[in-house]
């Protein structure tokens, strides 16, 4: 994308956005609801035309030949559009045939993907009886079935238990190792930090931060997260002391701690002296400090430093209200697949 803008009426959904995606790279697209993620990926897929700027996907202009681009895309959305009337195996076979997967190769590929995503035992059950997690895994299998070079994935771990979510993240890394490019739209900042080579943070259609998770975390300077563990009986006193303590920011309500009967209060500091001063202040009011731990800055810290805690209620609905008539439907010869992710 090069200096791309997109308007819906008087609303500027994308404002002079530029970025590149390399082969074998996972890029996280982050931002609040209405930040421009949906519009960005729809333009990448050729489903929306930019009002200004240029877009090229794998050497093809998606506005000139959207079908050619979309045939090389694998798409999975947070709420997959799957046919409840078909079995899991039938759905994959139909999709593969529509995408031109070799008829001799298709049965083996479907079997392997059903096995990889833990759906082999449910292969002959109708999708209407699948759980949300099973539907999510089926959508991922479908996204990769036709061997695409570029994957657009929206919340691919949504609805999955921790073990299944970890397996999906490992699969994303494996696909990256195969040279595939992945755009990952997610609100799970821990997942983005663990698998993304680079993240792009959008706000009101503008790029406000870009870089590797480590680079962005380092941009916060000396700001670190600090956990103070105290007895449950001292929780409220400790929270009040830390909230009023010089150099402490974003002090949270007491949360669970590893030790039985203790709670943990979390805040942020920029100077190490603020930690020792806080401990002295707690001891001075007879609060027993059982432990103090520090965390290095994370992508979550970066995100909230950029957006703050005030929310974006005014723009949360911005993208969802655009009339469907402004979103051109894919050409009729294109195989049905999920809508492009938000």
Foldseek 3Di string as FASTA:
>chain_A
DAQFWADQVPATLAGGDDDDFFWLFEEEEEEFFSLNPQVVLLLQLLQAPTPDDADADPNHGCVVPSQVSVLQEFEAALQWDFDQAAFLLVRLLVLCVLSPPDPVCQVVLSCVLCVLLVNNVRRRPGCVPDDSLVVLSSSVSSSCSSPHQEYEYEPSCPPPDPVSSVSVLVVSNVSSVVGHTYYYYYPPQVSCLVRGQKYFYGGSNYTPDIGHFVVLLCVVPQKWKKKWKFFPVCQVVLQVLQVPQPQWADWDHWAPDPDPRITIIMTIGRDPVSVVVSVVVCVVVVTDTPDMDIDRGGSVNSVCVVVPPPDDVVSNCVVVPRDCVNGHDDDPSHRDTGRRYD
